[in-house]
Amino acid sequence: MIWLYLLIPVFLIGGIAIYFEKKSGMKPPKDATEKQIDKLAEMKSQQENNQNGFYQ
């Protein structure tokens, strides 16, 4: 019974922390420029190459 008194505040604070973390999380930019899109494509291709064992 005592463990309920110890765990309820932990779950309550954890739930509140998760709620606010999801609410105020990072959001992608609304107006992505061509430069950002090119960089993203470049990064994806490099990641695929590294996962396949090819290095540039």
PDB file of N, CA and C in Angstrom:
ATOM      1  N   MET A   1       0.825  -1.194   0.000  1.00  0.00           N
ATOM      2  CA  MET A   1       0.000   0.000   0.000  1.00  0.00           C
ATOM      3  C   MET A   1       0.870   1.260   0.000  1.00  0.00           C
ATOM      4  N   ILE A   2       1.984   1.195   0.703  1.00  0.00           N
ATOM      5  CA  ILE A   2       2.881   2.356   0.753  1.00  0.00           C
ATOM      6  C   ILE A   2       3.462   2.640  -0.630  1.00  0.00           C
ATOM      7  N   TRP A   3       3.689   1.584  -1.419  1.00  0.00           N
ATOM      8  CA  TRP A   3       4.266   1.790  -2.742  1.00  0.00           C
ATOM      9  C   TRP A   3       3.353   2.627  -3.628  1.00  0.00           C
ATOM     10  N   LEU A   4       2.048   2.609  -3.374  1.00  0.00           N
ATOM     11  CA  LEU A   4       1.140   3.479  -4.130  1.00  0.00           C
ATOM     12  C   LEU A   4       1.437   4.947  -3.854  1.00  0.00           C
ATOM     13  N   TYR A   5       1.696   5.261  -2.600  1.00  0.00           N
ATOM     14  CA  TYR A   5       2.008   6.649  -2.243  1.00  0.00           C
ATOM     15  C   TYR A   5       3.330   7.104  -2.867  1.00  0.00           C
ATOM     16  N   LEU A   6       4.218   6.166  -3.132  1.00  0.00           N
ATOM     17  CA  LEU A   6       5.502   6.517  -3.740  1.00  0.00           C
ATOM     18  C   LEU A   6       5.416   6.602  -5.267  1.00  0.00           C
ATOM     19  N   LEU A   7       4.625   5.729  -5.881  1.00  0.00           N
ATOM     20  CA  LEU A   7       4.593   5.677  -7.340  1.00  0.00           C
ATOM     21  C   LEU A   7       3.611   6.657  -7.972  1.00  0.00           C
ATOM     22  N   ILE A   8       2.531   6.987  -7.301  1.00  0.00           N
ATOM     23  CA  ILE A   8       1.545   7.904  -7.882  1.00  0.00           C
ATOM     24  C   ILE A   8       2.166   9.263  -8.212  1.00  0.00           C
ATOM     25  N   PRO A   9       2.935   9.896  -7.326  1.00  0.00           N
ATOM     26  CA  PRO A   9       3.559  11.173  -7.713  1.00  0.00           C
ATOM     27  C   PRO A   9       4.547  11.030  -8.875  1.00  0.00           C
ATOM     28  N   VAL A  10       5.250   9.915  -8.933  1.00  0.00           N
ATOM     29  CA  VAL A  10       6.204   9.699 -10.024  1.00  0.00           C
ATOM     30  C   VAL A  10       5.464   9.635 -11.358  1.00  0.00           C
ATOM     31  N   PHE A  11       4.381   8.858 -11.415  1.00  0.00           N
ATOM     32  CA  PHE A  11       3.610   8.758 -12.653  1.00  0.00           C
ATOM     33  C   PHE A  11       2.930  10.074 -13.001  1.00  0.00           C
ATOM     34  N   LEU A  12       2.460  10.778 -12.008  1.00  0.00           N
ATOM     35  CA  LEU A  12       1.790  12.054 -12.247  1.00  0.00           C
ATOM     36  C   LEU A  12       2.761  13.077 -12.840  1.00  0.00           C
ATOM     37  N   ILE A  13       3.913  13.223 -12.233  1.00  0.00           N
ATOM     38  CA  ILE A  13       4.917  14.174 -12.730  1.00  0.00           C
ATOM     39  C   ILE A  13       5.448  13.730 -14.093  1.00  0.00           C
ATOM     40  N   GLY A  14       5.645  12.421 -14.268  1.00  0.00           N
ATOM     41  CA  GLY A  14       6.098  11.914 -15.564  1.00  0.00           C
ATOM     42  C   GLY A  14       5.094  12.195 -16.666  1.00  0.00           C
ATOM     43  N   GLY A  15       3.818  12.006 -16.376  1.00  0.00           N
ATOM     44  CA  GLY A  15       2.779  12.289 -17.361  1.00  0.00           C
ATOM     45  C   GLY A  15       2.722  13.754 -17.737  1.00  0.00           C
ATOM     46  N   ILE A  16       2.841  14.625 -16.745  1.00  0.00           N
ATOM     47  CA  ILE A  16       2.840  16.071 -17.012  1.00  0.00           C
ATOM     48  C   ILE A  16       4.054  16.454 -17.856  1.00  0.00           C
ATOM     49  N   ALA A  17       5.217  15.884 -17.540  1.00  0.00           N
ATOM     50  CA  ALA A  17       6.435  16.195 -18.298  1.00  0.00           C
ATOM     51  C   ALA A  17       6.304  15.741 -19.752  1.00  0.00           C
ATOM     52  N   ILE A  18       5.755  14.557 -19.971  1.00  0.00           N
ATOM     53  CA  ILE A  18       5.584  14.058 -21.339  1.00  0.00           C
ATOM     54  C   ILE A  18       4.592  14.927 -22.105  1.00  0.00           C
ATOM     55  N   TYR A  19       3.522  15.342 -21.436  1.00  0.00           N
ATOM     56  CA  TYR A  19       2.518  16.188 -22.089  1.00  0.00           C
ATOM     57  C   TYR A  19       3.142  17.494 -22.573  1.00  0.00           C
ATOM     58  N   PHE A  20       3.891  18.168 -21.699  1.00  0.00           N
ATOM     59  CA  PHE A  20       4.466  19.451 -22.084  1.00  0.00           C
ATOM     60  C   PHE A  20       5.594  19.287 -23.094  1.00  0.00           C
ATOM     61  N   GLU A  21       6.312  18.163 -23.052  1.00  0.00           N
ATOM     62  CA  GLU A  21       7.377  17.933 -24.024  1.00  0.00           C
ATOM     63  C   GLU A  21       6.783  17.767 -25.411  1.00  0.00           C
ATOM     64  N   LYS A  22       5.694  17.030 -25.529  1.00  0.00           N
ATOM     65  CA  LYS A  22       5.060  16.843 -26.837  1.00  0.00           C
ATOM     66  C   LYS A  22       4.388  18.121 -27.312  1.00  0.00           C
ATOM     67  N   LYS A  23       3.851  18.893 -26.400  1.00  0.00           N
ATOM     68  CA  LYS A  23       3.149  20.118 -26.770  1.00  0.00           C
ATOM     69  C   LYS A  23       4.119  21.168 -27.306  1.00  0.00           C
ATOM     70  N   SER A  24       5.303  21.263 -26.722  1.00  0.00           N
ATOM     71  CA  SER A  24       6.241  22.314 -27.106  1.00  0.00           C
ATOM     72  C   SER A  24       7.420  21.772 -27.913  1.00  0.00           C
ATOM     73  N   GLY A  25       7.260  20.615 -28.536  1.00  0.00           N
ATOM     74  CA  GLY A  25       8.346  20.012 -29.296  1.00  0.00           C
ATOM     75  C   GLY A  25       8.686  20.807 -30.540  1.00  0.00           C
ATOM     76  N   MET A  26       9.807  20.452 -31.164  1.00  0.00           N
ATOM     77  CA  MET A  26      10.240  21.156 -32.362  1.00  0.00           C
ATOM     78  C   MET A  26       9.300  20.858 -33.516  1.00  0.00           C
ATOM     79  N   LYS A  27       9.087  21.849 -34.343  1.00  0.00           N
ATOM     80  CA  LYS A  27       8.239  21.709 -35.521  1.00  0.00           C
ATOM     81  C   LYS A  27       9.071  22.052 -36.758  1.00  0.00           C
ATOM     82  N   PRO A  28       8.799  21.390 -37.878  1.00  0.00           N
ATOM     83  CA  PRO A  28       9.554  21.711 -39.094  1.00  0.00           C
ATOM     84  C   PRO A  28       9.232  23.121 -39.577  1.00  0.00           C
ATOM     85  N   PRO A  29      10.166  23.758 -40.260  1.00  0.00           N
ATOM     86  CA  PRO A  29       9.899  25.106 -40.769  1.00  0.00           C
ATOM     87  C   PRO A  29       8.768  25.092 -41.790  1.00  0.00           C
ATOM     88  N   LYS A  30       7.994  26.161 -41.804  1.00  0.00           N
ATOM     89  CA  LYS A  30       6.844  26.220 -42.707  1.00  0.00           C
ATOM     90  C   LYS A  30       7.265  26.468 -44.144  1.00  0.00           C
ATOM     91  N   ASP A  31       8.268  27.306 -44.336  1.00  0.00           N
ATOM     92  CA  ASP A  31       8.697  27.631 -45.697  1.00  0.00           C
ATOM     93  C   ASP A  31      10.126  27.139 -45.917  1.00  0.00           C
ATOM     94  N   ALA A  32      10.232  25.903 -46.412  1.00  0.00           N
ATOM     95  CA  ALA A  32      11.546  25.323 -46.674  1.00  0.00           C
ATOM     96  C   ALA A  32      12.073  25.881 -47.990  1.00  0.00           C
ATOM     97  N   THR A  33      13.302  26.340 -47.960  1.00  0.00           N
ATOM     98  CA  THR A  33      13.902  26.899 -49.170  1.00  0.00           C
ATOM     99  C   THR A  33      14.522  25.788 -50.003  1.00  0.00           C
ATOM    100  N   GLU A  34      14.882  26.118 -51.220  1.00  0.00           N
ATOM    101  CA  GLU A  34      15.520  25.152 -52.112  1.00  0.00           C
ATOM    102  C   GLU A  34      16.833  24.644 -51.514  1.00  0.00           C
ATOM    103  N   LYS A  35      17.557  25.536 -50.855  1.00  0.00           N
ATOM    104  CA  LYS A  35      18.840  25.151 -50.266  1.00  0.00           C
ATOM    105  C   LYS A  35      18.638  24.103 -49.178  1.00  0.00           C
ATOM    106  N   GLN A  36      17.614  24.278 -48.350  1.00  0.00           N
ATOM    107  CA  GLN A  36      17.334  23.311 -47.294  1.00  0.00           C
ATOM    108  C   GLN A  36      16.942  21.963 -47.887  1.00  0.00           C
ATOM    109  N   ILE A  37      16.148  21.985 -48.945  1.00  0.00           N
ATOM    110  CA  ILE A  37      15.717  20.740 -49.581  1.00  0.00           C
ATOM    111  C   ILE A  37      16.913  20.019 -50.194  1.00  0.00           C
ATOM    112  N   ASP A  38      17.830  20.776 -50.831  1.00  0.00           N
ATOM    113  CA  ASP A  38      19.023  20.174 -51.414  1.00  0.00           C
ATOM    114  C   ASP A  38      19.909  19.552 -50.340  1.00  0.00           C
ATOM    115  N   LYS A  39      20.089  20.257 -49.225  1.00  0.00           N
ATOM    116  CA  LYS A  39      20.916  19.728 -48.138  1.00  0.00           C
ATOM    117  C   LYS A  39      20.302  18.460 -47.558  1.00  0.00           C
ATOM    118  N   LEU A  40      18.988  18.441 -47.410  1.00  0.00           N
ATOM    119  CA  LEU A  40      18.311  17.271 -46.874  1.00  0.00           C
ATOM    120  C   LEU A  40      18.489  16.071 -47.798  1.00  0.00           C
ATOM    121  N   ALA A  41      18.367  16.289 -49.099  1.00  0.00           N
ATOM    122  CA  ALA A  41      18.560  15.209 -50.066  1.00  0.00           C
ATOM    123  C   ALA A  41      20.000  14.707 -50.024  1.00  0.00           C
ATOM    124  N   GLU A  42      20.948  15.622 -49.885  1.00  0.00           N
ATOM    125  CA  GLU A  42      22.363  15.242 -49.806  1.00  0.00           C
ATOM    126  C   GLU A  42      22.630  14.404 -48.559  1.00  0.00           C
ATOM    127  N   MET A  43      22.075  14.814 -47.443  1.00  0.00           N
ATOM    128  CA  MET A  43      22.275  14.065 -46.198  1.00  0.00           C
ATOM    129  C   MET A  43      21.667  12.671 -46.290  1.00  0.00           C
ATOM    130  N   LYS A  44      20.482  12.563 -46.891  1.00  0.00           N
ATOM    131  CA  LYS A  44      19.842  11.255 -47.017  1.00  0.00           C
ATOM    132  C   LYS A  44      20.671  10.320 -47.879  1.00  0.00           C
ATOM    133  N   SER A  45      21.224  10.834 -48.975  1.00  0.00           N
ATOM    134  CA  SER A  45      22.032   9.981 -49.843  1.00  0.00           C
ATOM    135  C   SER A  45      23.313   9.549 -49.138  1.00  0.00           C
ATOM    136  N   GLN A  46      23.913  10.436 -48.356  1.00  0.00           N
ATOM    137  CA  GLN A  46      25.120  10.069 -47.621  1.00  0.00           C
ATOM    138  C   GLN A  46      24.813   9.031 -46.550  1.00  0.00           C
ATOM    139  N   GLN A  47      23.678   9.156 -45.887  1.00  0.00           N
ATOM    140  CA  GLN A  47      23.302   8.174 -44.874  1.00  0.00           C
ATOM    141  C   GLN A  47      23.072   6.807 -45.508  1.00  0.00           C
ATOM    142  N   GLU A  48      22.417   6.782 -46.666  1.00  0.00           N
ATOM    143  CA  GLU A  48      22.193   5.513 -47.352  1.00  0.00           C
ATOM    144  C   GLU A  48      23.516   4.881 -47.763  1.00  0.00           C
ATOM    145  N   ASN A  49      24.448   5.694 -48.240  1.00  0.00           N
ATOM    146  CA  ASN A  49      25.754   5.171 -48.633  1.00  0.00           C
ATOM    147  C   ASN A  49      26.490   4.610 -47.429  1.00  0.00           C
ATOM    148  N   ASN A  50      26.422   5.290 -46.301  1.00  0.00           N
ATOM    149  CA  ASN A  50      27.115   4.819 -45.112  1.00  0.00           C
ATOM    150  C   ASN A  50      26.487   3.538 -44.578  1.00  0.00           C
ATOM    151  N   GLN A  51      25.194   3.402 -44.690  1.00  0.00           N
ATOM    152  CA  GLN A  51      24.535   2.190 -44.213  1.00  0.00           C
ATOM    153  C   GLN A  51      24.855   1.001 -45.108  1.00  0.00           C
ATOM    154  N   ASN A  52      25.075   1.249 -46.385  1.00  0.00           N
ATOM    155  CA  ASN A  52      25.377   0.167 -47.314  1.00  0.00           C
ATOM    156  C   ASN A  52      26.858  -0.195 -47.317  1.00  0.00           C
ATOM    157  N   GLY A  53      27.675   0.547 -46.624  1.00  0.00           N
ATOM    158  CA  GLY A  53      29.092   0.243 -46.550  1.00  0.00           C
ATOM    159  C   GLY A  53      29.946   0.991 -47.546  1.00  0.00           C
ATOM    160  N   PHE A  54      29.378   1.919 -48.277  1.00  0.00           N
ATOM    161  CA  PHE A  54      30.134   2.714 -49.233  1.00  0.00           C
ATOM    162  C   PHE A  54      30.488   4.046 -48.593  1.00  0.00           C
ATOM    163  N   TYR A  55      31.736   4.434 -48.755  1.00  0.00           N
ATOM    164  CA  TYR A  55      32.182   5.705 -48.180  1.00  0.00           C
ATOM    165  C   TYR A  55      32.642   6.618 -49.297  1.00  0.00           C
ATOM    166  N   GLN A  56      32.356   7.879 -49.156  1.00  0.00           N
ATOM    167  CA  GLN A  56      32.760   8.837 -50.178  1.00  0.00           C
ATOM    168  C   GLN A  56      34.061   9.485 -49.804  1.00  0.00           C
TER     169      GLN A  56
END
